Amino acid sequence: MAGSNPRTSIRREVSHQGVFQFQGSGTGNCVACREPSPTCWCVSGRQSPGQELSGRFLVMRAAADPWVPEVIGRYSLFRQATRRHAPSELIPAVAAAAAKRAYDKPAQKLKGIHPWVYAAMARDCMLYSNERRSKPVDDNALRQMHNYFLDSPGWDHSQESTTSIFTMLLGMAYEQTWYQKNPKNELARSYLLYTKTETPGLWQPEADEWQEVLGAPFQTALTASFILYALSCSHAGTFDPKWPESHGYSKFEGLIPAKELLRVLDLLTTTVEQAKDRAKEMPVPAGRYAFNPLIERPFVDLGDGLRYAPQPHFVLRAFETQNVYYRAMARWGDRFGQVFGSKVEAYTGMQLRHTGEQTVIPEFTWEKKKAGVMRSSDWFVVTPAATILIECKSARMTLEARAGNQKAESLLDQYVGKAYRQLAKNAEELRAGNPNFSHIPADRPLIGLVVTAERMFGSNSDRMRSRFGTPSLPVLTASLEDVETLSSLPPETLGEVLTEILEDAHLANQSLTDAVVRVIGPEAIPKNQLIEDTFNELTPFSRVEEALNRAGDTSPGFPSGA
């Protein structure tokens, strides 16, 4: 392989089989930093003079430097670049740089250093570097790390033969899409799902039990996360734990007591050593997509009295649905896991009914000879254009699957494939005229909807829908976020939109929310009033912003969503 010669450039192309192939090419000066390739640490992703770069080709250069491994163009180059800096130098620099861009619009996030790259810089430096490193951090060093990151597929040489385009894109999707979401919706959903969704007869955590898990009452913890986010963004990615005990905090005391804010801060803080220990508990082969301890604890205590937020978005994300789920599972285990599935189903029904316009029919049971008691689909929605059958699953992708591992497809089989089969059985009973289904209209097209607790990337692809597909009815997979969009549509629009999406393979391959936007336009999608009302009731964010402004910390509010 050409990597045995450190002066050899490598061209990498995604072949039609989805496997990376390598070919040698010439050398030259780096376009980004103008250094000759034998000494350049910058992977520009652009061609040098006389070199052709087209399509999916990426040009990479190895340096005649002991830091460079035999195989180049791997994630290890990025990791080694972060290791050249001490955590006490790189973490503050990354926090300051990321804070400047915390309020970027979605289109702006694609320019310069991407937000997910800042998160990876901080993670890898904490996990693999130490305080004996001495290379200073400047803008050029950050750009070089960014370029190494972009030129890495995310896995190492041993994984190439089993890596497909599907798994590659899956890893990128889980890595990047959160930054495009609307944080208001994410926090409102979390509060609604965990504290306002009723599951009669089932155990659910009381307010004081949530306080043990979140450091404060649920509502207060959400307020704390916004204050910590806004203040760290306006102070170069830092927060001073002494500030809540000062006179300057008096404007916030009525919103959240200082002791509760500090409890939440401590809950969300890690040290470098703690981060290393936590990462060892959750190893994933594909380094780029490995678990990031900052998602759980977004502040870093470097021992200098300040707390650093290398990716401020993680502070705002601290109590969204997924993070709260894992905190709750760590506290209550299977007891919580069992009730969570019922909550997902109940939340789906609550959303479907929230406008009062949809005809929603809940699950029912019926007797079948020899088989005994049978259960119908979880929900039915009757629209003029179609009858929609809904199966809810509390399915979540494992860390390995999120990393673009082959386990992703087996998990989709396990969760989504099973729901397809359940929907097919109900559709067959409905079409066969089973009298137990007589209250469900069968005189119009049937559409199946698999609702999952979080978005299952790739589940609506042609490949997966063909794999799970049933002749009984066409099926799409929707996240709770998608359900919030669909439930806000008028009944006559809902059935027509789903029908149009199913007839267009390109639309069906997108998330349902994105597909709906493509079909009817963003202006035609009503706001989800349940989410809006919950957020307005949830926490006094407008008062928080006023207090920040009075304290001299001007906050532009929440970052932009998709």
Protein backbone atom coordinates (compact mmCIF):
# COMPACT_ATOMS: atom_id res chain seq x y z
CA MET A 1 0.00 0.00 0.00
CA ALA A 2 1.19 3.51 -0.75
CA GLY A 3 1.16 4.45 2.93
CA SER A 4 4.60 2.82 3.32
CA ASN A 5 6.06 5.89 1.60
CA PRO A 6 5.40 8.97 3.77
CA ARG A 7 5.89 11.25 0.76
CA THR A 8 3.20 9.53 -1.28
CA SER A 9 -0.17 11.20 -1.59
CA ILE A 10 -3.24 9.06 -1.39
CA ARG A 11 -6.43 9.40 -3.36
CA ARG A 12 -9.46 7.95 -1.74
CA GLU A 13 -12.68 7.26 -3.58
CA VAL A 14 -15.95 5.75 -2.47
CA SER A 15 -16.55 2.94 -4.91
CA HIS A 16 -19.98 1.79 -5.98
CA GLN A 17 -19.73 -1.05 -3.44
CA GLY A 18 -19.22 1.51 -0.71
CA VAL A 19 -15.68 0.36 0.13
CA PHE A 20 -12.79 2.78 0.18
CA GLN A 21 -10.17 2.18 -2.51
CA PHE A 22 -6.71 3.75 -2.55
CA GLN A 23 -4.46 4.96 -5.35
CA GLY A 24 -1.13 6.79 -5.25
CA SER A 25 -0.56 10.23 -6.75
CA GLY A 26 2.10 12.93 -6.81
CA THR A 27 3.28 15.40 -4.21
CA GLY A 28 3.38 19.17 -3.91
CA ASN A 29 2.92 22.11 -1.57
CA CYS A 30 -0.16 22.25 0.62
CA VAL A 31 -2.69 24.74 -0.71
CA ALA A 32 -3.87 25.70 2.78
CA CYS A 33 -0.60 26.47 4.54
CA ARG A 34 1.88 26.49 1.59
CA GLU A 35 4.22 24.11 3.40
CA PRO A 36 5.89 21.35 1.35
CA SER A 37 4.07 18.06 1.84
CA PRO A 38 6.93 16.30 3.68
CA THR A 39 6.57 18.75 6.59
CA CYS A 40 2.94 19.83 6.27
CA TRP A 41 0.51 18.88 9.01
CA CYS A 42 -2.43 20.40 7.17
CA VAL A 43 -4.79 18.14 5.23
CA SER A 44 -6.44 20.69 3.01
CA GLY A 45 -8.84 18.52 1.06
CA ARG A 46 -7.90 20.61 -2.01
CA GLN A 47 -5.57 19.70 -4.83
CA SER A 48 -2.03 20.96 -5.18
CA PRO A 49 -0.92 22.45 -8.52
CA GLY A 50 -1.01 19.85 -11.25
CA GLN A 51 -3.25 17.45 -9.33
CA GLU A 52 -6.80 16.68 -10.34
CA LEU A 53 -9.50 16.53 -7.68
CA SER A 54 -13.04 15.68 -8.68
CA GLY A 55 -16.21 13.99 -7.47
CA ARG A 56 -15.73 12.15 -4.18
CA PHE A 57 -11.90 12.13 -4.37
CA LEU A 58 -10.01 13.49 -1.41
CA VAL A 59 -6.30 14.22 -1.55
CA MET A 60 -4.29 13.53 1.57
CA ARG A 61 -0.63 13.85 2.35
CA ALA A 62 1.48 12.16 4.95
CA ALA A 63 4.38 13.98 6.51
CA ALA A 64 7.92 12.75 7.10
CA ASP A 65 7.32 13.12 10.80
CA PRO A 66 7.47 10.47 13.55
CA TRP A 67 3.90 11.35 14.52
CA VAL A 68 2.50 10.09 11.23
CA PRO A 69 1.51 6.40 11.14
CA GLU A 70 2.09 4.03 8.22
CA VAL A 71 -1.53 4.30 7.06
CA ILE A 72 -2.57 7.84 6.31
CA GLY A 73 -5.93 9.47 5.82
CA ARG A 74 -7.31 7.83 8.97
CA TYR A 75 -9.02 9.26 12.01
CA SER A 76 -5.79 8.63 13.91
CA LEU A 77 -4.27 11.69 12.20
CA PHE A 78 -6.92 13.91 13.78
CA ARG A 79 -6.49 12.26 17.15
CA GLN A 80 -2.71 12.67 17.03
CA ALA A 81 -3.14 16.34 16.18
CA THR A 82 -5.27 16.87 19.31
CA ARG A 83 -2.65 15.03 21.37
CA ARG A 84 -0.03 17.64 20.52
CA HIS A 85 -1.79 20.06 22.88
CA ALA A 86 -2.23 19.88 26.64
CA PRO A 87 -5.88 19.74 27.76
CA SER A 88 -5.34 22.91 29.81
CA GLU A 89 -4.46 24.70 26.54
CA LEU A 90 -6.81 23.16 23.99
CA ILE A 91 -10.00 22.92 26.09
CA PRO A 92 -10.18 26.70 26.82
CA ALA A 93 -9.31 27.52 23.19
CA VAL A 94 -12.01 25.22 21.83
CA ALA A 95 -14.56 26.52 24.36
CA ALA A 96 -13.90 30.12 23.32
CA ALA A 97 -14.05 29.33 19.60
CA ALA A 98 -17.24 27.27 19.89
CA ALA A 99 -18.96 29.89 22.05
CA LYS A 100 -18.46 32.51 19.34
CA ARG A 101 -20.48 30.37 16.95
CA ALA A 102 -23.14 29.08 19.32
CA TYR A 103 -25.85 31.25 17.76
CA ASP A 104 -24.97 30.59 14.13
CA LYS A 105 -27.84 29.96 11.75
CA PRO A 106 -27.99 26.42 10.27
CA ALA A 107 -26.37 27.57 7.01
CA GLN A 108 -23.57 29.30 8.94
CA LYS A 109 -22.74 26.07 10.78
CA LEU A 110 -21.50 24.63 7.49
CA LYS A 111 -18.84 27.33 7.18
CA GLY A 112 -15.57 27.38 9.09
CA ILE A 113 -15.07 24.78 11.81
CA HIS A 114 -18.20 22.70 12.28
CA PRO A 115 -19.69 22.43 15.80
CA TRP A 116 -19.30 18.65 15.94
CA VAL A 117 -15.59 19.03 15.22
CA TYR A 118 -15.10 21.23 18.29
CA ALA A 119 -16.75 18.49 20.33
CA ALA A 120 -14.38 15.85 18.90
CA MET A 121 -11.31 18.05 19.47
CA ALA A 122 -12.13 18.42 23.15
CA ARG A 123 -13.02 14.76 23.61
CA ASP A 124 -9.89 13.34 22.00
CA CYS A 125 -7.60 15.80 23.74
CA MET A 126 -9.08 14.88 27.13
CA LEU A 127 -8.92 11.16 26.45
CA TYR A 128 -5.53 10.85 24.74
CA SER A 129 -3.36 13.84 25.64
CA ASN A 130 -1.74 14.99 28.88
CA GLU A 131 -0.22 18.07 30.47
CA ARG A 132 3.28 17.22 29.22
CA ARG A 133 2.35 18.39 25.73
CA SER A 134 3.62 21.85 24.86
CA LYS A 135 2.44 22.81 21.37
CA PRO A 136 0.61 26.16 21.56
CA VAL A 137 -2.96 26.46 20.27
CA ASP A 138 -3.70 29.06 17.61
CA ASP A 139 -6.19 29.48 14.77
CA ASN A 140 -3.95 27.58 12.38
CA ALA A 141 -3.75 24.60 14.74
CA LEU A 142 -7.55 24.52 15.00
CA ARG A 143 -7.91 24.66 11.22
CA GLN A 144 -5.43 21.84 10.75
CA MET A 145 -7.35 19.64 13.19
CA HIS A 146 -10.57 20.53 11.40
CA ASN A 147 -9.11 19.49 8.05
CA TYR A 148 -7.82 16.21 9.43
CA PHE A 149 -11.27 15.52 10.80
CA LEU A 150 -13.02 16.24 7.50
CA ASP A 151 -10.63 13.98 5.61
CA SER A 152 -11.26 11.03 7.90
CA PRO A 153 -14.05 8.55 7.12
CA GLY A 154 -14.33 7.83 10.82
CA TRP A 155 -13.00 4.30 10.94
CA ASP A 156 -9.65 2.56 10.72
CA HIS A 157 -8.08 0.22 8.18
CA SER A 158 -9.36 -2.97 9.82
CA GLN A 159 -12.97 -1.84 9.36
CA GLU A 160 -12.91 -0.87 5.68
CA SER A 161 -13.98 -4.24 4.31
CA THR A 162 -17.18 -4.22 6.39
CA THR A 163 -18.07 -0.55 6.06
CA SER A 164 -20.80 0.43 3.63
CA ILE A 165 -22.13 3.75 2.43
CA PHE A 166 -25.20 3.14 4.62
CA THR A 167 -23.22 2.73 7.84
CA MET A 168 -20.88 5.61 6.95
CA LEU A 169 -23.79 8.01 6.46
CA LEU A 170 -25.49 6.67 9.58
CA GLY A 171 -22.51 7.63 11.74
CA MET A 172 -22.41 11.11 10.23
CA ALA A 173 -26.15 11.57 10.67
CA TYR A 174 -26.09 10.81 14.40
CA GLU A 175 -22.99 12.95 14.78
CA GLN A 176 -24.37 16.07 13.11
CA THR A 177 -28.15 16.30 13.06
CA TRP A 178 -28.70 17.44 16.64
CA TYR A 179 -27.16 20.79 15.77
CA GLN A 180 -29.98 21.34 13.27
CA LYS A 181 -32.81 20.71 15.71
CA ASN A 182 -34.96 23.27 17.48
CA PRO A 183 -33.82 23.28 21.14
CA LYS A 184 -37.14 24.67 22.34
CA ASN A 185 -38.98 21.70 20.89
CA GLU A 186 -36.41 19.27 22.28
CA LEU A 187 -36.72 20.59 25.84
CA ALA A 188 -40.51 20.91 25.72
CA ARG A 189 -40.78 17.32 24.47
CA SER A 190 -38.55 16.07 27.27
CA TYR A 191 -40.65 17.80 29.93
CA LEU A 192 -43.94 16.67 28.35
CA LEU A 193 -42.84 13.07 27.90
CA TYR A 194 -41.36 12.52 31.34
CA THR A 195 -43.62 14.60 33.59
CA LYS A 196 -46.93 15.23 31.78
CA THR A 197 -47.59 12.01 29.84
CA GLU A 198 -49.98 9.87 31.85
CA THR A 199 -49.61 6.09 32.06
CA PRO A 200 -52.39 5.04 34.49
CA GLY A 201 -51.57 2.12 36.74
CA LEU A 202 -47.86 2.24 36.03
CA TRP A 203 -45.07 3.50 38.26
CA GLN A 204 -43.45 6.76 37.30
CA PRO A 205 -40.85 8.87 39.09
CA GLU A 206 -42.10 11.48 41.52
CA ALA A 207 -40.84 15.07 41.49
CA ASP A 208 -38.35 14.47 44.31
CA GLU A 209 -37.00 11.39 42.54
CA TRP A 210 -36.35 13.42 39.38
CA GLN A 211 -34.50 15.92 41.56
CA GLU A 212 -32.05 13.18 42.56
CA VAL A 213 -31.36 12.42 38.89
CA LEU A 214 -31.23 15.99 37.52
CA GLY A 215 -29.78 17.89 40.48
CA ALA A 216 -32.95 19.99 40.79
CA PRO A 217 -36.68 19.68 40.06
CA PHE A 218 -37.25 18.91 36.37
CA GLN A 219 -38.46 22.39 35.48
CA THR A 220 -35.69 24.06 37.47
CA ALA A 221 -33.02 21.88 35.85
CA LEU A 222 -34.17 23.05 32.41
CA THR A 223 -34.01 26.69 33.51
CA ALA A 224 -30.53 26.08 34.93
CA SER A 225 -29.31 24.57 31.66
CA PHE A 226 -30.40 27.67 29.74
CA ILE A 227 -28.74 30.07 32.21
CA LEU A 228 -25.52 28.04 32.13
CA TYR A 229 -25.64 27.90 28.34
CA ALA A 230 -26.29 31.62 27.84
CA LEU A 231 -23.66 32.73 30.34
CA SER A 232 -20.97 30.37 29.07
CA CYS A 233 -21.62 31.56 25.50
CA SER A 234 -21.18 35.20 26.53
CA HIS A 235 -18.01 34.47 28.56
CA ALA A 236 -15.80 32.68 26.01
CA GLY A 237 -17.19 29.26 26.86
CA THR A 238 -16.59 29.53 30.60
CA PHE A 239 -18.66 29.69 33.78
CA ASP A 240 -17.39 30.88 37.15
CA PRO A 241 -18.88 28.80 40.03
CA LYS A 242 -18.27 31.71 42.41
CA TRP A 243 -20.65 33.99 40.52
CA PRO A 244 -23.94 32.52 41.90
CA GLU A 245 -22.69 33.34 45.39
CA SER A 246 -21.99 36.98 44.49
CA HIS A 247 -24.23 40.05 44.60
CA GLY A 248 -24.52 39.93 40.81
CA TYR A 249 -26.67 36.81 41.06
CA SER A 250 -29.46 38.59 42.95
CA LYS A 251 -31.36 39.20 39.67
CA PHE A 252 -31.55 35.43 39.11
CA GLU A 253 -32.33 34.23 42.63
CA GLY A 254 -36.07 34.48 42.00
CA LEU A 255 -35.73 32.29 38.92
CA ILE A 256 -33.54 29.59 40.38
CA PRO A 257 -31.84 29.50 43.80
CA ALA A 258 -28.05 29.67 43.60
CA LYS A 259 -27.63 26.37 45.43
CA GLU A 260 -29.78 24.57 42.84
CA LEU A 261 -27.92 26.15 39.92
CA LEU A 262 -24.63 25.00 41.44
CA ARG A 263 -25.98 21.48 41.98
CA VAL A 264 -26.92 21.28 38.31
CA LEU A 265 -23.51 22.70 37.35
CA ASP A 266 -21.75 20.03 39.41
CA LEU A 267 -23.94 17.34 37.85
CA LEU A 268 -22.89 18.56 34.40
CA THR A 269 -19.15 18.84 35.19
CA THR A 270 -16.39 16.34 34.55
CA THR A 271 -12.64 16.35 35.03
CA VAL A 272 -10.17 15.03 32.47
CA GLU A 273 -9.56 11.90 34.53
CA GLN A 274 -13.29 11.28 35.03
CA ALA A 275 -13.85 11.66 31.29
CA LYS A 276 -11.15 9.06 30.58
CA ASP A 277 -12.71 6.62 33.04
CA ARG A 278 -16.19 7.12 31.60
CA ALA A 279 -15.00 6.62 28.02
CA LYS A 280 -13.37 3.31 28.97
CA GLU A 281 -16.79 2.03 30.03
CA MET A 282 -18.24 2.63 26.54
CA PRO A 283 -15.60 1.81 23.90
CA VAL A 284 -16.53 1.91 20.21
CA PRO A 285 -14.06 0.87 17.47
CA ALA A 286 -14.83 3.81 15.14
CA GLY A 287 -13.02 6.60 16.97
CA ARG A 288 -14.73 9.54 15.33
CA TYR A 289 -18.14 8.29 16.45
CA ALA A 290 -17.06 7.04 19.85
CA PHE A 291 -18.94 8.06 22.97
CA ASN A 292 -18.23 11.63 24.03
CA PRO A 293 -18.33 12.09 27.83
CA LEU A 294 -19.13 15.77 27.23
CA ILE A 295 -22.65 14.84 26.10
CA GLU A 296 -23.39 13.70 29.67
CA ARG A 297 -21.21 16.28 31.40
CA PRO A 298 -20.59 19.26 29.09
CA PHE A 299 -18.46 21.30 31.52
CA VAL A 300 -14.79 20.52 32.21
CA ASP A 301 -13.07 21.39 35.48
CA LEU A 302 -9.36 21.95 34.76
CA GLY A 303 -8.58 22.93 38.34
CA ASP A 304 -8.19 26.68 37.70
CA GLY A 305 -11.50 27.69 39.29
CA LEU A 306 -13.51 27.98 36.06
CA ARG A 307 -15.73 25.49 34.25
CA TYR A 308 -15.22 25.20 30.49
CA ALA A 309 -17.89 24.24 27.92
CA PRO A 310 -15.98 23.04 24.81
CA GLN A 311 -19.32 22.61 23.01
CA PRO A 312 -21.98 24.90 24.56
CA HIS A 313 -24.76 23.11 22.65
CA PHE A 314 -24.18 20.11 24.92
CA VAL A 315 -25.17 22.29 27.90
CA LEU A 316 -28.51 23.07 26.29
CA ARG A 317 -28.80 19.40 25.31
CA ALA A 318 -28.14 18.11 28.82
CA PHE A 319 -31.79 17.43 29.67
CA GLU A 320 -33.27 16.63 26.27
CA THR A 321 -35.19 13.37 25.89
CA GLN A 322 -32.28 11.07 25.13
CA ASN A 323 -29.96 12.30 27.87
CA VAL A 324 -32.70 12.15 30.50
CA TYR A 325 -33.54 8.62 29.37
CA TYR A 326 -30.00 7.39 30.00
CA ARG A 327 -29.78 9.18 33.34
CA ALA A 328 -33.08 7.60 34.37
CA MET A 329 -32.00 4.15 33.20
CA ALA A 330 -28.80 4.47 35.23
CA ARG A 331 -30.89 5.33 38.30
CA TRP A 332 -33.90 3.00 37.95
CA GLY A 333 -32.85 0.39 35.40
CA ASP A 334 -35.46 -1.92 33.86
CA ARG A 335 -38.16 -0.46 36.08
CA PHE A 336 -37.92 2.76 34.12
CA GLY A 337 -37.29 1.01 30.80
CA GLN A 338 -40.60 -0.84 31.05
CA VAL A 339 -42.66 2.27 31.71
CA PHE A 340 -40.80 4.25 29.04
CA GLY A 341 -42.36 2.17 26.26
CA SER A 342 -45.82 2.98 27.60
CA LYS A 343 -44.90 6.65 27.78
CA VAL A 344 -43.86 6.70 24.12
CA GLU A 345 -47.22 5.18 23.16
CA ALA A 346 -49.19 7.55 25.40
CA TYR A 347 -47.22 10.58 24.20
CA THR A 348 -48.02 9.66 20.59
CA GLY A 349 -51.73 9.53 21.39
CA MET A 350 -51.59 12.80 23.32
CA GLN A 351 -49.99 14.52 20.35
CA LEU A 352 -52.45 13.03 17.85
CA ARG A 353 -55.36 14.34 19.93
CA HIS A 354 -53.98 17.71 20.94
CA THR A 355 -55.70 19.76 18.21
CA GLY A 356 -59.05 18.03 18.68
CA GLU A 357 -59.36 17.75 14.88
CA GLN A 358 -58.08 14.24 14.25
CA THR A 359 -60.23 11.11 14.52
CA VAL A 360 -58.06 8.99 16.79
CA ILE A 361 -58.94 5.43 17.85
CA PRO A 362 -56.86 3.73 20.58
CA GLU A 363 -55.65 0.16 20.83
CA PHE A 364 -58.21 -2.55 21.62
CA THR A 365 -58.11 -6.28 22.33
CA TRP A 366 -60.03 -9.11 20.71
CA GLU A 367 -60.25 -12.89 20.92
CA LYS A 368 -58.82 -15.15 18.26
CA LYS A 369 -59.49 -18.86 18.21
CA LYS A 370 -56.57 -20.93 19.49
CA ALA A 371 -54.40 -17.79 19.84
CA GLY A 372 -56.36 -16.18 22.69
CA VAL A 373 -56.32 -12.45 23.41
CA MET A 374 -54.91 -10.34 20.57
CA ARG A 375 -53.96 -6.67 20.58
CA SER A 376 -54.60 -4.27 17.75
CA SER A 377 -52.20 -1.58 16.61
CA ASP A 378 -51.52 1.07 19.24
CA TRP A 379 -53.40 3.85 17.44
CA PHE A 380 -55.54 4.43 14.36
CA VAL A 381 -56.02 7.84 12.73
CA VAL A 382 -58.86 8.18 10.24
CA THR A 383 -58.47 10.84 7.55
CA PRO A 384 -60.50 11.42 4.36
CA ALA A 385 -57.60 10.17 2.22
CA ALA A 386 -56.36 7.21 4.28
CA THR A 387 -56.67 5.19 7.46
CA ILE A 388 -53.37 5.26 9.34
CA LEU A 389 -52.31 2.32 11.52
CA ILE A 390 -49.66 3.15 14.13
CA GLU A 391 -47.24 0.95 16.07
CA CYS A 392 -45.12 2.63 18.76
CA LYS A 393 -41.67 1.38 19.75
CA SER A 394 -39.38 2.68 22.46
CA ALA A 395 -36.50 1.59 20.23
CA ARG A 396 -33.15 3.34 20.51
CA MET A 397 -29.95 2.81 18.59
CA THR A 398 -27.04 1.52 20.65
CA LEU A 399 -23.77 3.44 20.76
CA GLU A 400 -22.22 0.93 18.36
CA ALA A 401 -25.06 1.36 15.87
CA ARG A 402 -24.82 5.16 16.08
CA ALA A 403 -21.17 4.86 15.18
CA GLY A 404 -22.03 3.35 11.82
CA ASN A 405 -21.46 -0.20 13.02
CA GLN A 406 -23.02 -3.16 11.20
CA LYS A 407 -25.24 -3.64 14.24
CA ALA A 408 -27.38 -0.76 12.97
CA GLU A 409 -29.04 -2.94 10.36
CA SER A 410 -29.72 -5.78 12.81
CA LEU A 411 -31.30 -3.33 15.26
CA LEU A 412 -33.51 -1.92 12.52
CA ASP A 413 -34.53 -5.51 11.78
CA GLN A 414 -35.26 -6.13 15.45
CA TYR A 415 -37.32 -3.02 16.13
CA VAL A 416 -38.67 -1.61 12.89
CA GLY A 417 -39.00 -4.94 11.07
CA LYS A 418 -41.13 -6.32 13.91
CA ALA A 419 -43.43 -3.29 13.77
CA TYR A 420 -43.87 -3.76 10.00
CA ARG A 421 -45.08 -7.31 10.63
CA GLN A 422 -47.49 -6.18 13.35
CA LEU A 423 -48.94 -3.52 11.08
CA ALA A 424 -49.34 -6.05 8.28
CA LYS A 425 -51.32 -8.44 10.51
CA ASN A 426 -53.69 -5.66 11.57
CA ALA A 427 -54.15 -4.51 7.98
CA GLU A 428 -55.01 -8.07 6.95
CA GLU A 429 -57.62 -8.38 9.70
CA LEU A 430 -59.10 -5.04 8.72
CA ARG A 431 -59.32 -5.92 5.04
CA ALA A 432 -60.67 -9.39 5.78
CA GLY A 433 -63.66 -7.82 7.51
CA ASN A 434 -62.86 -8.99 11.05
CA PRO A 435 -65.91 -7.75 13.01
CA ASN A 436 -63.67 -6.66 15.88
CA PHE A 437 -62.25 -4.04 13.48
CA SER A 438 -65.64 -2.86 12.21
CA HIS A 439 -65.21 0.58 13.80
CA ILE A 440 -62.06 1.19 11.73
CA PRO A 441 -62.78 2.42 8.17
CA ALA A 442 -61.36 0.06 5.53
CA ASP A 443 -62.93 1.82 2.53
CA ARG A 444 -59.82 3.89 1.80
CA PRO A 445 -56.08 3.25 1.46
CA LEU A 446 -54.27 1.95 4.53
CA ILE A 447 -50.95 3.47 5.61
CA GLY A 448 -48.68 2.12 8.32
CA LEU A 449 -46.62 4.30 10.65
CA VAL A 450 -43.90 2.99 12.97
CA VAL A 451 -43.29 5.55 15.72
CA THR A 452 -39.93 5.32 17.49
CA ALA A 453 -38.66 7.22 20.52
CA GLU A 454 -35.91 8.78 18.45
CA ARG A 455 -35.22 9.09 14.76
CA MET A 456 -34.03 5.84 13.19
CA PHE A 457 -31.79 7.08 10.39
CA GLY A 458 -31.99 4.94 7.29
CA SER A 459 -35.24 3.23 8.26
CA ASN A 460 -37.15 4.92 5.42
CA SER A 461 -34.50 4.24 2.78
CA ASP A 462 -35.52 2.21 -0.27
CA ARG A 463 -33.23 -0.55 0.90
CA MET A 464 -34.78 -0.88 4.35
CA ARG A 465 -38.39 -0.41 3.27
CA SER A 466 -37.93 -3.12 0.64
CA ARG A 467 -36.33 -5.35 3.24
CA PHE A 468 -39.14 -4.96 5.78
CA GLY A 469 -41.90 -4.29 3.27
CA THR A 470 -45.26 -5.98 3.34
CA PRO A 471 -47.83 -6.23 0.54
CA SER A 472 -50.58 -5.46 3.06
CA LEU A 473 -49.83 -1.75 3.28
CA PRO A 474 -47.04 0.81 2.69
CA VAL A 475 -45.17 1.81 5.85
CA LEU A 476 -43.07 4.76 7.00
CA THR A 477 -41.07 5.22 10.20
CA ALA A 478 -41.54 8.37 12.27
CA SER A 479 -39.83 9.79 15.35
CA LEU A 480 -41.68 11.59 18.13
CA GLU A 481 -40.48 14.80 16.52
CA ASP A 482 -42.20 13.74 13.28
CA VAL A 483 -45.39 12.90 15.16
CA GLU A 484 -45.44 16.45 16.53
CA THR A 485 -45.37 17.75 12.97
CA LEU A 486 -47.93 15.30 11.57
CA SER A 487 -50.39 15.77 14.43
CA SER A 488 -50.51 19.52 13.81
CA LEU A 489 -51.76 19.08 10.23
CA PRO A 490 -55.48 19.20 9.38
CA PRO A 491 -56.95 15.70 8.81
CA GLU A 492 -57.51 16.27 5.09
CA THR A 493 -53.88 17.34 4.69
CA LEU A 494 -52.37 14.56 6.81
CA GLY A 495 -53.61 11.65 4.72
CA GLU A 496 -52.84 13.36 1.42
CA VAL A 497 -49.31 14.31 2.46
CA LEU A 498 -48.42 10.79 3.63
CA THR A 499 -49.82 9.36 0.39
CA GLU A 500 -47.72 11.74 -1.70
CA ILE A 501 -44.58 10.95 0.30
CA LEU A 502 -45.10 7.22 -0.18
CA GLU A 503 -45.40 7.69 -3.93
CA ASP A 504 -42.04 9.49 -4.16
CA ALA A 505 -38.99 7.40 -3.22
CA HIS A 506 -36.86 10.52 -2.75
CA LEU A 507 -39.33 12.05 -0.29
CA ALA A 508 -39.82 8.77 1.56
CA ASN A 509 -36.06 8.51 2.11
CA GLN A 510 -36.04 11.71 4.21
CA SER A 511 -37.26 12.26 7.74
CA LEU A 512 -41.03 12.67 7.70
CA THR A 513 -40.77 16.25 8.94
CA ASP A 514 -38.39 17.17 6.13
CA ALA A 515 -40.58 15.38 3.60
CA VAL A 516 -43.71 17.21 4.79
CA VAL A 517 -41.87 20.52 4.41
CA ARG A 518 -40.95 19.56 0.85
CA VAL A 519 -44.55 18.67 -0.02
CA ILE A 520 -46.51 21.60 1.43
CA GLY A 521 -43.83 24.15 2.31
CA PRO A 522 -42.75 25.35 5.77
CA GLU A 523 -45.35 28.14 5.89
CA ALA A 524 -48.21 25.63 5.61
CA ILE A 525 -47.13 23.65 8.69
CA PRO A 526 -48.93 24.90 11.81
CA LYS A 527 -46.99 25.30 15.03
CA ASN A 528 -47.54 22.47 17.45
CA GLN A 529 -49.59 24.27 20.06
CA LEU A 530 -48.98 21.63 22.71
CA ILE A 531 -45.22 22.12 22.37
CA GLU A 532 -45.60 25.92 22.28
CA ASP A 533 -47.83 26.04 25.37
CA THR A 534 -45.60 23.64 27.26
CA PHE A 535 -42.50 25.66 26.54
CA ASN A 536 -44.17 28.91 27.59
CA GLU A 537 -45.34 27.29 30.82
CA LEU A 538 -42.23 25.24 31.30
CA THR A 539 -39.74 27.83 32.34
CA PRO A 540 -39.51 31.63 32.30
CA PHE A 541 -36.92 31.92 29.56
CA SER A 542 -38.02 35.44 28.68
CA ARG A 543 -37.40 36.46 32.30
CA VAL A 544 -34.02 34.72 32.20
CA GLU A 545 -33.06 36.74 29.12
CA GLU A 546 -34.23 39.95 30.80
CA ALA A 547 -32.14 39.14 33.87
CA LEU A 548 -29.13 38.38 31.70
CA ASN A 549 -29.49 41.70 29.92
CA ARG A 550 -29.83 43.60 33.21
CA ALA A 551 -26.69 41.86 34.42
CA GLY A 552 -24.86 43.03 31.31
CA ASP A 553 -24.77 39.63 29.62
CA THR A 554 -26.73 40.19 26.43
CA SER A 555 -28.15 36.90 25.21
CA PRO A 556 -29.69 36.44 21.77
CA GLY A 557 -31.78 33.62 23.24
CA PHE A 558 -31.90 30.11 21.86
CA PRO A 559 -29.68 29.03 18.98
CA SER A 560 -31.40 28.57 15.66
CA GLY A 561 -32.89 25.19 14.86
CA ALA A 562 -33.43 23.63 11.51
